[in-house]
Amino acid sequence: MGLPELSQSNPVPTAPAMPAVMTPAHMLAIAVQQGADLDRLQQLMDLQERWEAAQARKAFAAAVAGFKADPPKIVKNKHVRFQTQKGVTEYDHATHDEVCDKISRALAAHGLSHRWNVEQVDGRIRVTCYLTHVAGHSESVQMTSAPDDSGGKNGIQGIASAVTYLQRYTLLAITGMSTGDADDDDDGRATAASYTAPAVPAAYETWKADMTALADEGLGALQDAWRRSAGELRQYATVADSAWWTATKARAATVRT
């Protein structure tokens, strides 16, 4: 006697497979299916935004670490010589094209790009350089200077020279290519030097991502975590990743607790 045939008209429903990692987006989708109220949905949407921002910061940190592992070589490719009231001034420096072209190509290989914002405030030139990752996270460095009137420049030339100078050095700073042992010419101009990144400590990127996220809790919480951190992590951050640490402290200082 054969086995009875099973009817195919009413298949047994199966529960949807759960994702390997439960993200706020998955939680939001489940809440929608379950008919959650608007307050609950808004909380989950806010959580999703914070989660995406944290992921973007981690991706940014990893990209910057990749860039610093093989930084471009910046050479002093131009010699400048001009007469001043104090005598002849001459020095070698890396041109705007030398710095920007090489750094831009190296950044693009890691999903990073830069842009500048230029302002003139109370007769001074303010340039802000933004470094942005394709995932959306961005950090910035700002420098201010008076117009450069050296070498007999007129007013427009002095402004253009200051803008170019500030663009060059904010880009060097935000990418960690600015070093303390850069040469200074007679007028106090820092000239670009080739940079070789020191070895990244173990667990640095995880620690950096945690510290970046902690900035949202205010400067006090950030400083407490800094004091408890390993010395090698703090040393690397201040020597090789100073632009990130400065920006993180500045962001934490804006948080009201």
Protein backbone atom coordinates (compact mmCIF):
# COMPACT_ATOMS: atom_id res chain seq x y z
CA MET A 1 0.00 0.00 0.00
CA GLY A 2 1.52 3.31 -1.11
CA LEU A 3 1.95 6.46 0.98
CA PRO A 4 -0.78 9.08 0.61
CA GLU A 5 0.11 12.05 -1.57
CA LEU A 6 0.62 15.38 0.18
CA SER A 7 -1.53 18.22 -1.01
CA GLN A 8 0.42 21.13 -2.55
CA SER A 9 -2.47 23.57 -2.36
CA ASN A 10 -1.72 24.84 1.15
CA PRO A 11 2.07 25.02 1.71
CA VAL A 12 3.24 25.65 5.26
CA PRO A 13 4.48 29.25 5.58
CA THR A 14 8.07 29.73 6.64
CA ALA A 15 9.48 32.58 8.70
CA PRO A 16 11.77 35.00 6.80
CA ALA A 17 15.45 34.34 7.29
CA MET A 18 17.06 36.64 9.84
CA PRO A 19 20.11 38.60 8.66
CA ALA A 20 23.52 37.57 9.96
CA VAL A 21 23.95 41.07 11.43
CA MET A 22 20.88 42.91 12.69
CA THR A 23 21.19 46.57 11.71
CA PRO A 24 18.83 49.44 12.54
CA ALA A 25 17.57 49.20 8.94
CA HIS A 26 16.47 45.62 9.55
CA MET A 27 14.85 46.63 12.83
CA LEU A 28 13.04 49.46 11.04
CA ALA A 29 11.73 47.10 8.36
CA ILE A 30 10.43 44.69 11.01
CA ALA A 31 8.79 47.54 12.91
CA VAL A 32 7.00 48.69 9.74
CA GLN A 33 5.74 45.16 9.12
CA GLN A 34 4.47 44.96 12.69
CA GLY A 35 2.65 48.29 12.41
CA ALA A 36 4.77 50.21 14.92
CA ASP A 37 3.63 53.75 15.77
CA LEU A 38 5.29 56.88 14.39
CA ASP A 39 7.29 57.58 17.56
CA ARG A 40 8.87 54.13 17.43
CA LEU A 41 9.61 54.49 13.73
CA GLN A 42 11.23 57.90 14.30
CA GLN A 43 13.46 56.44 17.04
CA LEU A 44 14.58 53.67 14.70
CA MET A 45 15.21 56.15 11.87
CA ASP A 46 17.38 58.25 14.20
CA LEU A 47 19.23 55.12 15.26
CA GLN A 48 19.79 54.20 11.61
CA GLU A 49 21.25 57.65 10.89
CA ARG A 50 23.68 57.35 13.81
CA TRP A 51 24.64 53.84 12.73
CA GLU A 52 25.31 54.96 9.16
CA ALA A 53 27.38 57.90 10.44
CA ALA A 54 29.48 55.57 12.61
CA GLN A 55 30.02 53.21 9.68
CA ALA A 56 31.06 56.14 7.50
CA ARG A 57 33.56 57.28 10.13
CA LYS A 58 35.07 53.81 10.27
CA ALA A 59 35.32 53.67 6.47
CA PHE A 60 36.96 57.12 6.48
CA ALA A 61 39.51 56.04 9.10
CA ALA A 62 40.36 52.88 7.16
CA ALA A 63 40.77 54.86 3.93
CA VAL A 64 43.08 57.41 5.56
CA ALA A 65 45.15 54.59 7.07
CA GLY A 66 45.46 53.04 3.60
CA PHE A 67 46.56 56.39 2.17
CA LYS A 68 49.18 56.87 4.88
CA ALA A 69 50.54 53.35 4.42
CA ASP A 70 51.81 54.41 0.99
CA PRO A 71 51.89 58.23 0.88
CA PRO A 72 52.98 60.11 -2.24
CA LYS A 73 56.44 61.62 -2.28
CA ILE A 74 56.29 65.41 -2.25
CA VAL A 75 59.44 67.06 -3.59
CA LYS A 76 60.57 70.67 -3.41
CA ASN A 77 60.49 71.30 -7.14
CA LYS A 78 60.82 75.09 -7.34
CA HIS A 79 63.50 77.59 -6.33
CA VAL A 80 62.34 81.12 -5.46
CA ARG A 81 64.61 84.18 -5.24
CA PHE A 82 63.57 87.82 -4.76
CA GLN A 83 64.82 91.06 -3.24
CA THR A 84 63.42 92.44 0.02
CA GLN A 85 64.30 95.41 2.22
CA LYS A 86 66.35 93.03 4.36
CA GLY A 87 68.25 91.62 1.40
CA VAL A 88 67.80 88.68 -0.95
CA THR A 89 65.34 85.94 0.03
CA GLU A 90 65.57 82.54 -1.62
CA TYR A 91 64.26 79.10 -0.82
CA ASP A 92 63.06 75.83 -2.34
CA HIS A 93 59.46 74.71 -1.98
CA ALA A 94 56.90 72.28 -3.37
CA THR A 95 54.56 74.02 -5.81
CA HIS A 96 50.80 74.00 -5.59
CA ASP A 97 50.58 71.59 -8.53
CA GLU A 98 53.20 69.27 -7.09
CA VAL A 99 51.35 68.97 -3.79
CA CYS A 100 47.76 68.89 -5.03
CA ASP A 101 48.15 66.65 -8.09
CA LYS A 102 50.10 63.95 -6.26
CA ILE A 103 47.94 63.97 -3.14
CA SER A 104 44.68 64.04 -5.13
CA ARG A 105 45.62 60.97 -7.15
CA ALA A 106 46.75 59.08 -4.03
CA LEU A 107 43.55 60.00 -2.16
CA ALA A 108 41.30 58.92 -5.04
CA ALA A 109 42.76 55.41 -4.90
CA HIS A 110 41.23 55.10 -1.40
CA GLY A 111 37.86 56.69 -2.12
CA LEU A 112 38.89 60.07 -0.71
CA SER A 113 38.63 63.55 -2.21
CA HIS A 114 39.24 67.10 -1.06
CA ARG A 115 37.82 70.56 -1.64
CA TRP A 116 38.44 74.07 -0.30
CA ASN A 117 36.22 76.86 0.94
CA VAL A 118 37.77 80.34 0.70
CA GLU A 119 36.59 83.37 2.68
CA GLN A 120 37.86 86.89 3.29
CA VAL A 121 37.08 88.14 6.79
CA ASP A 122 38.26 91.48 8.19
CA GLY A 123 40.99 91.72 5.57
CA ARG A 124 42.34 88.23 6.26
CA ILE A 125 42.13 85.14 4.07
CA ARG A 126 40.52 82.03 5.57
CA VAL A 127 40.82 78.69 3.78
CA THR A 128 39.13 75.49 4.96
CA CYS A 129 40.12 72.15 3.42
CA TYR A 130 37.55 69.35 3.57
CA LEU A 131 38.57 65.71 3.20
CA THR A 132 35.61 63.49 2.29
CA HIS A 133 35.18 59.74 1.86
CA VAL A 134 32.73 58.18 -0.61
CA ALA A 135 30.78 56.78 2.36
CA GLY A 136 29.93 60.34 3.36
CA HIS A 137 32.15 61.19 6.35
CA SER A 138 34.11 64.45 6.10
CA GLU A 139 36.71 66.23 8.24
CA SER A 140 38.32 69.64 7.85
CA VAL A 141 41.31 71.83 8.69
CA GLN A 142 41.24 75.62 8.62
CA MET A 143 44.05 78.18 8.34
CA THR A 144 44.01 82.00 8.21
CA SER A 145 46.54 84.48 6.86
CA ALA A 146 46.95 88.09 5.82
CA PRO A 147 47.43 88.73 2.08
CA ASP A 148 50.98 88.02 0.92
CA ASP A 149 52.54 91.38 0.02
CA SER A 150 56.09 90.05 -0.38
CA GLY A 151 58.04 90.50 -3.63
CA GLY A 152 56.21 93.68 -4.67
CA LYS A 153 52.82 92.01 -5.25
CA ASN A 154 49.75 94.17 -5.82
CA GLY A 155 46.58 93.69 -3.79
CA ILE A 156 44.98 91.04 -6.01
CA GLN A 157 48.24 89.14 -6.38
CA GLY A 158 48.71 89.21 -2.60
CA ILE A 159 45.29 87.68 -2.02
CA ALA A 160 45.80 85.03 -4.71
CA SER A 161 49.22 84.13 -3.29
CA ALA A 162 47.80 83.75 0.24
CA VAL A 163 44.93 81.59 -1.03
CA THR A 164 47.29 79.30 -2.92
CA TYR A 165 49.61 79.03 0.08
CA LEU A 166 46.78 78.22 2.50
CA GLN A 167 45.23 75.72 0.09
CA ARG A 168 48.54 73.90 -0.18
CA TYR A 169 49.19 73.68 3.54
CA THR A 170 45.64 72.88 4.66
CA LEU A 171 45.72 69.93 2.24
CA LEU A 172 49.07 68.82 3.63
CA ALA A 173 47.70 69.13 7.17
CA ILE A 174 44.40 67.30 6.66
CA THR A 175 46.19 64.38 4.99
CA GLY A 176 48.91 64.16 7.65
CA MET A 177 51.61 65.19 5.17
CA SER A 178 52.70 68.18 7.23
CA THR A 179 55.67 67.38 9.48
CA GLY A 180 57.31 69.21 12.34
CA ASP A 181 60.72 69.11 10.75
CA ALA A 182 59.66 70.97 7.60
CA ASP A 183 62.23 73.60 6.60
CA ASP A 184 61.48 77.28 7.26
CA ASP A 185 62.64 79.96 4.86
CA ASP A 186 63.67 83.46 5.95
CA ASP A 187 60.11 84.75 5.90
CA GLY A 188 58.81 81.92 8.11
CA ARG A 189 57.19 79.99 5.29
CA ALA A 190 57.05 76.25 5.98
CA THR A 191 58.14 74.27 2.94
CA ALA A 192 56.71 70.85 2.18
CA ALA A 193 58.80 67.82 3.06
CA SER A 194 58.49 64.22 2.02
CA TYR A 195 56.58 62.25 4.59
CA THR A 196 56.85 58.61 5.60
CA ALA A 197 54.09 57.42 7.91
CA PRO A 198 55.16 55.60 11.08
CA ALA A 199 53.83 52.12 11.76
CA VAL A 200 50.19 52.10 12.80
CA PRO A 201 49.75 50.56 16.29
CA ALA A 202 47.65 47.44 16.62
CA ALA A 203 43.94 48.18 17.11
CA TYR A 204 44.50 51.85 16.24
CA GLU A 205 41.68 52.08 13.71
CA THR A 206 39.17 50.51 16.12
CA TRP A 207 40.29 52.88 18.87
CA LYS A 208 40.09 55.83 16.48
CA ALA A 209 36.55 54.92 15.41
CA ASP A 210 35.51 54.61 19.07
CA MET A 211 37.07 57.98 19.93
CA THR A 212 35.42 59.63 16.93
CA ALA A 213 32.03 58.30 18.00
CA LEU A 214 32.70 59.36 21.61
CA ALA A 215 33.07 62.97 20.46
CA ASP A 216 29.28 63.06 20.19
CA GLU A 217 29.16 62.79 24.01
CA GLY A 218 31.19 65.96 24.56
CA LEU A 219 34.73 67.06 25.29
CA GLY A 220 34.79 65.80 28.88
CA ALA A 221 33.98 62.23 27.88
CA LEU A 222 36.49 62.37 25.05
CA GLN A 223 39.29 63.65 27.28
CA ASP A 224 38.57 61.00 29.94
CA ALA A 225 38.84 58.26 27.30
CA TRP A 226 42.03 59.85 25.97
CA ARG A 227 43.68 59.75 29.39
CA ARG A 228 42.77 56.07 29.75
CA SER A 229 44.10 55.15 26.29
CA ALA A 230 47.41 53.40 25.67
CA GLY A 231 50.41 55.68 25.21
CA GLU A 232 51.30 54.33 21.78
CA LEU A 233 47.80 55.12 20.49
CA ARG A 234 47.94 58.69 21.80
CA GLN A 235 51.44 59.20 20.44
CA TYR A 236 50.50 58.00 16.96
CA ALA A 237 47.38 60.18 16.96
CA THR A 238 49.30 63.33 17.88
CA VAL A 239 52.29 62.68 15.61
CA ALA A 240 50.86 61.01 12.51
CA ASP A 241 47.12 61.73 12.73
CA SER A 242 47.02 65.19 14.28
CA ALA A 243 44.46 66.56 11.80
CA TRP A 244 41.93 63.93 12.86
CA TRP A 245 42.57 64.44 16.57
CA THR A 246 42.30 68.24 16.30
CA ALA A 247 39.05 67.97 14.34
CA THR A 248 37.63 65.41 16.78
CA LYS A 249 38.35 67.61 19.80
CA ALA A 250 36.84 70.62 18.03
CA ARG A 251 33.66 68.67 17.26
CA ALA A 252 33.43 67.39 20.84
CA ALA A 253 33.77 70.94 22.15
CA THR A 254 30.59 71.94 20.30
CA VAL A 255 28.46 69.31 22.06
CA ARG A 256 26.35 70.58 24.92
CA THR A 257 26.08 68.05 27.73
